[in-house]
Protein backbone atom coordinates (compact mmCIF):
# COMPACT_ATOMS: atom_id res chain seq x y z
CA MET A 1 0.00 0.00 0.00
CA VAL A 2 1.16 3.50 -0.77
CA ALA A 3 0.20 6.87 0.74
CA THR A 4 1.24 10.33 -0.44
CA VAL A 5 2.09 13.26 1.83
CA TYR A 6 0.52 16.46 0.51
CA ASN A 7 1.73 20.08 0.66
CA ARG A 8 0.41 20.81 4.17
CA GLY A 9 1.82 17.59 5.65
CA GLN A 10 -1.51 15.81 5.31
CA MET A 11 -1.70 12.17 4.31
CA VAL A 12 -4.51 9.80 3.41
CA ILE A 13 -4.28 6.37 5.00
CA PRO A 14 -5.41 3.85 2.36
CA ALA A 15 -8.89 2.41 2.92
CA GLN A 16 -7.61 -1.18 2.99
CA ALA A 17 -5.09 -0.31 5.75
CA ARG A 18 -7.78 1.49 7.79
CA LYS A 19 -10.15 -1.45 7.41
CA GLU A 20 -7.51 -4.02 8.45
CA ALA A 21 -6.48 -1.89 11.46
CA GLY A 22 -10.08 -1.17 12.49
CA ILE A 23 -9.59 2.59 12.20
CA ASP A 24 -12.74 4.57 11.50
CA THR A 25 -13.89 8.19 11.36
CA GLY A 26 -13.34 10.01 14.65
CA ASP A 27 -10.78 7.55 16.07
CA VAL A 28 -7.91 9.17 17.98
CA LEU A 29 -4.46 7.99 16.89
CA SER A 30 -1.09 8.28 18.60
CA VAL A 31 1.83 8.84 16.21
CA LYS A 32 5.26 7.57 17.23
CA VAL A 33 8.48 7.97 15.27
CA GLU A 34 10.43 4.73 15.04
CA GLY A 35 13.67 5.46 13.28
CA GLU A 36 14.23 7.41 10.11
CA GLY A 37 11.23 7.33 7.80
CA ARG A 38 9.13 5.03 10.01
CA LEU A 39 5.93 6.08 11.78
CA LEU A 40 3.75 3.97 14.06
CA PHE A 41 0.06 4.81 14.37
CA VAL A 42 -1.77 3.43 17.41
CA ARG A 43 -5.51 3.89 17.92
CA LEU A 44 -6.03 5.29 21.43
CA THR A 45 -9.79 5.41 21.68
CA GLN A 46 -12.83 4.79 19.59
CA PRO A 47 -15.50 7.50 19.53
CA LYS A 48 -18.54 6.97 21.71
CA PRO A 49 -21.77 6.40 19.80
CA LYS A 50 -23.92 9.51 19.63
CA ALA A 51 -27.08 9.54 21.73
CA PRO A 52 -30.29 9.30 19.69
CA VAL A 53 -32.02 12.59 19.04
CA PRO A 54 -35.53 12.76 20.52
CA VAL A 55 -38.20 13.18 17.88
CA ARG A 56 -41.46 15.03 18.26
CA VAL A 57 -44.44 14.56 16.00
CA ILE A 58 -46.15 17.92 15.53
CA GLN A 59 -49.60 18.45 14.11
CA ARG A 60 -48.96 20.71 11.17
CA LYS A 61 -51.31 23.06 9.35
CA GLY A 62 -51.08 23.44 5.61
CA ARG A 63 -51.69 21.62 2.38
CA HIS A 64 -48.24 20.13 1.77
CA PRO A 65 -47.90 16.56 3.04
CA VAL A 66 -44.94 15.66 5.23
CA GLY A 67 -45.12 12.10 3.93
CA ASP A 68 -47.29 10.82 1.14
CA ILE A 69 -48.41 7.21 0.72
CA GLY A 70 -51.67 8.00 -1.00
CA ARG A 71 -53.63 8.51 2.23
CA ALA A 72 -53.28 10.28 5.55
CA ILE A 73 -50.50 8.94 7.75
CA THR A 74 -51.39 8.33 11.41
CA ARG A 75 -49.19 9.22 14.38
CA SER A 76 -48.78 5.54 15.24
CA GLU A 77 -47.52 4.80 11.71
CA ILE A 78 -44.99 7.64 11.96
CA LYS A 79 -43.79 6.48 15.39
CA ALA A 80 -43.49 2.89 14.14
CA ALA A 81 -41.46 4.03 11.13
CA LEU A 82 -39.15 6.19 13.28
CA ALA A 83 -38.64 3.33 15.76
CA GLU A 84 -36.92 1.34 13.00
CA PHE A 85 -34.03 3.84 12.86
CA PRO A 86 -31.11 3.36 15.25
């Protein structure tokens, strides 16, 4: 695998290397210099999962549908659909 260092010292770690090392977006890495031209990246922590955002269903006035399935959507149908999301 090959990575290029860009003009501001930034580098892209190849996707295959990140996948094999289990590195993902938001991970904190420690960088250690091991001799000339050798760097060691160590993942320190993994980010904590974000808390789910509370959702409110509001009765809305107007003619534009929020969701359209050919008929009016009930509150229970909306809540059931939102419950499927993580």
